[in-house]
C-alpha atoms as a PDB file:
ATOM      1  CA  MET A   1     -11.518   5.795  -0.696  1.00  0.00           C
ATOM      2  CA  ILE A   2      -8.134   7.101   1.145  1.00  0.00           C
ATOM      3  CA  LEU A   3      -5.836   4.430   1.415  1.00  0.00           C
ATOM      4  CA  THR A   4      -2.480   4.526   3.098  1.00  0.00           C
ATOM      5  CA  ALA A   5       0.727   3.248   0.062  1.00  0.00           C
ATOM      6  CA  VAL A   6       4.467   2.545   1.556  1.00  0.00           C
ATOM      7  CA  ILE A   7       6.821   3.083  -0.917  1.00  0.00           C
ATOM      8  CA  GLU A   8      10.374   2.504  -0.624  1.00  0.00           C
ATOM      9  CA  ARG A   9      13.357   2.465  -2.604  1.00  0.00           C
ATOM     10  CA  ASP A  10      16.268   0.751  -2.972  1.00  0.00           C
ATOM     11  CA  GLU A  11      19.244   0.532  -6.279  1.00  0.00           C
ATOM     12  CA  PHE A  12      16.473  -1.743  -8.268  1.00  0.00           C
ATOM     13  CA  GLY A  13      13.868   0.894  -7.898  1.00  0.00           C
ATOM     14  CA  TYR A  14      10.678   1.583  -6.315  1.00  0.00           C
ATOM     15  CA  PHE A  15       8.822  -1.303  -4.129  1.00  0.00           C
ATOM     16  CA  ALA A  16       4.832   0.042  -3.315  1.00  0.00           C
ATOM     17  CA  GLN A  17       2.761  -1.996  -0.676  1.00  0.00           C
ATOM     18  CA  ILE A  18      -0.759  -1.001   1.109  1.00  0.00           C
ATOM     19  CA  PRO A  19      -0.738  -2.286   4.101  1.00  0.00           C
ATOM     20  CA  GLU A  20      -4.754  -2.583   4.261  1.00  0.00           C
ATOM     21  CA  LEU A  21      -5.255  -4.928   1.023  1.00  0.00           C
ATOM     22  CA  LYS A  22      -3.023  -7.436   2.454  1.00  0.00           C
ATOM     23  CA  GLY A  23      -0.908  -9.100  -1.218  1.00  0.00           C
ATOM     24  CA  CYS A  24      -1.378  -5.383  -2.215  1.00  0.00           C
ATOM     25  CA  VAL A  25       2.142  -4.616  -3.917  1.00  0.00           C
ATOM     26  CA  THR A  26       3.945  -3.904  -6.375  1.00  0.00           C
ATOM     27  CA  GLN A  27       7.153  -2.298  -8.485  1.00  0.00           C
ATOM     28  CA  GLY A  28       8.886   0.346 -10.801  1.00  0.00           C
ATOM     29  CA  ASN A  29      11.334   1.922 -11.791  1.00  0.00           C
ATOM     30  CA  THR A  30      10.944   5.687 -11.280  1.00  0.00           C
ATOM     31  CA  TYR A  31       8.400   6.939  -8.342  1.00  0.00           C
ATOM     32  CA  GLU A  32       6.137   8.526 -11.009  1.00  0.00           C
ATOM     33  CA  GLU A  33       5.473   4.623 -12.449  1.00  0.00           C
ATOM     34  CA  VAL A  34       5.459   3.012  -8.630  1.00  0.00           C
ATOM     35  CA  LEU A  35       2.415   5.522  -7.900  1.00  0.00           C
ATOM     36  CA  PHE A  36       1.356   4.822 -10.469  1.00  0.00           C
ATOM     37  CA  ASN A  37       1.362   1.104 -10.502  1.00  0.00           C
ATOM     38  CA  ILE A  38      -0.212   0.806  -6.787  1.00  0.00           C
ATOM     39  CA  GLN A  39      -3.478   3.280  -8.335  1.00  0.00           C
ATOM     40  CA  GLU A  40      -3.709   0.334 -10.657  1.00  0.00           C
ATOM     41  CA  ALA A  41      -3.473  -2.211  -8.530  1.00  0.00           C
ATOM     42  CA  ALA A  42      -5.296  -0.836  -5.937  1.00  0.00           C
ATOM     43  CA  GLU A  43      -8.138   0.023  -7.981  1.00  0.00           C
ATOM     44  CA  LEU A  44      -8.562  -3.917  -9.691  1.00  0.00           C
ATOM     45  CA  TYR A  45      -8.027  -5.137  -5.930  1.00  0.00           C
ATOM     46  CA  LEU A  46     -10.622  -3.219  -4.332  1.00  0.00           C
ATOM     47  CA  GLU A  47     -13.352  -4.264  -7.988  1.00  0.00           C
ATOM     48  CA  SER A  48     -12.062  -8.063  -7.020  1.00  0.00           C
ATOM     49  CA  LEU A  49     -14.024  -7.808  -2.984  1.00  0.00           C
ATOM     50  CA  THR A  50     -17.675  -8.810  -2.561  1.00  0.00           C
ATOM     51  CA  THR A  51     -20.252  -5.627  -1.186  1.00  0.00           C
ATOM     52  CA  GLU A  52     -19.413  -7.366   2.562  1.00  0.00           C
ATOM     53  CA  GLU A  53     -15.447  -7.227   1.951  1.00  0.00           C
ATOM     54  CA  LEU A  54     -15.429  -3.540   0.372  1.00  0.00           C
ATOM     55  CA  HIS A  55     -18.267  -2.123   3.877  1.00  0.00           C
ATOM     56  CA  ALA A  56     -15.561  -4.295   5.943  1.00  0.00           C
ATOM     57  CA  LEU A  57     -12.942  -2.430   4.346  1.00  0.00           C
ATOM     58  CA  GLN A  58     -14.657   0.936   4.494  1.00  0.00           C
ATOM     59  CA  LYS A  59     -15.160   0.019   7.988  1.00  0.00           C
ATOM     60  CA  ARG A  60     -10.609  -0.644   9.024  1.00  0.00           C
ATOM     61  CA  LYS A  61      -9.220   2.096   9.999  1.00  0.00           C
ATOM     62  CA  VAL A  62      -5.669   1.679  10.157  1.00  0.00           C
ATOM     63  CA  ILE A  63      -3.270   5.129  11.066  1.00  0.00           C
ATOM     64  CA  ILE A  64       0.875   4.702  10.160  1.00  0.00           C
ATOM     65  CA  SER A  65       2.882   6.612  13.002  1.00  0.00           C
ATOM     66  CA  PRO A  66       6.160   6.836  12.799  1.00  0.00           C
ATOM     67  CA  ILE A  67       7.938   4.624  16.627  1.00  0.00           C
ATOM     68  CA  GLU A  68      12.037   5.571  16.992  1.00  0.00           C
ATOM     69  CA  VAL A  69      13.110   2.990  18.889  1.00  0.00           C
ATOM     70  CA  ALA A  70      16.296   2.137  21.198  1.00  0.00           C
ATOM     71  CA  ILE A  71      19.381   0.728  18.777  1.00  0.00           C
ATOM     72  CA  HIS A  72      22.157  -1.463  20.651  1.00  0.00           C
ATOM     73  CA  ALA A  73      24.772  -2.948  18.902  1.00  0.00           C
END
């Protein structure tokens, strides 16, 4: 299954979430650590789903697209 991980970096390290899996979030000190952690979190999340929930998730399509917005300062 292909999922989309959104990874952000700040002064404390990295933070990751998977929009398709509500509440599936983690953090890490390095990019490699947060990537490993979010993959592990996703696997555990998916293991907790019922068969019906898993089928519904597989049918769901999520598209992440950059958009440009004006900033009015």
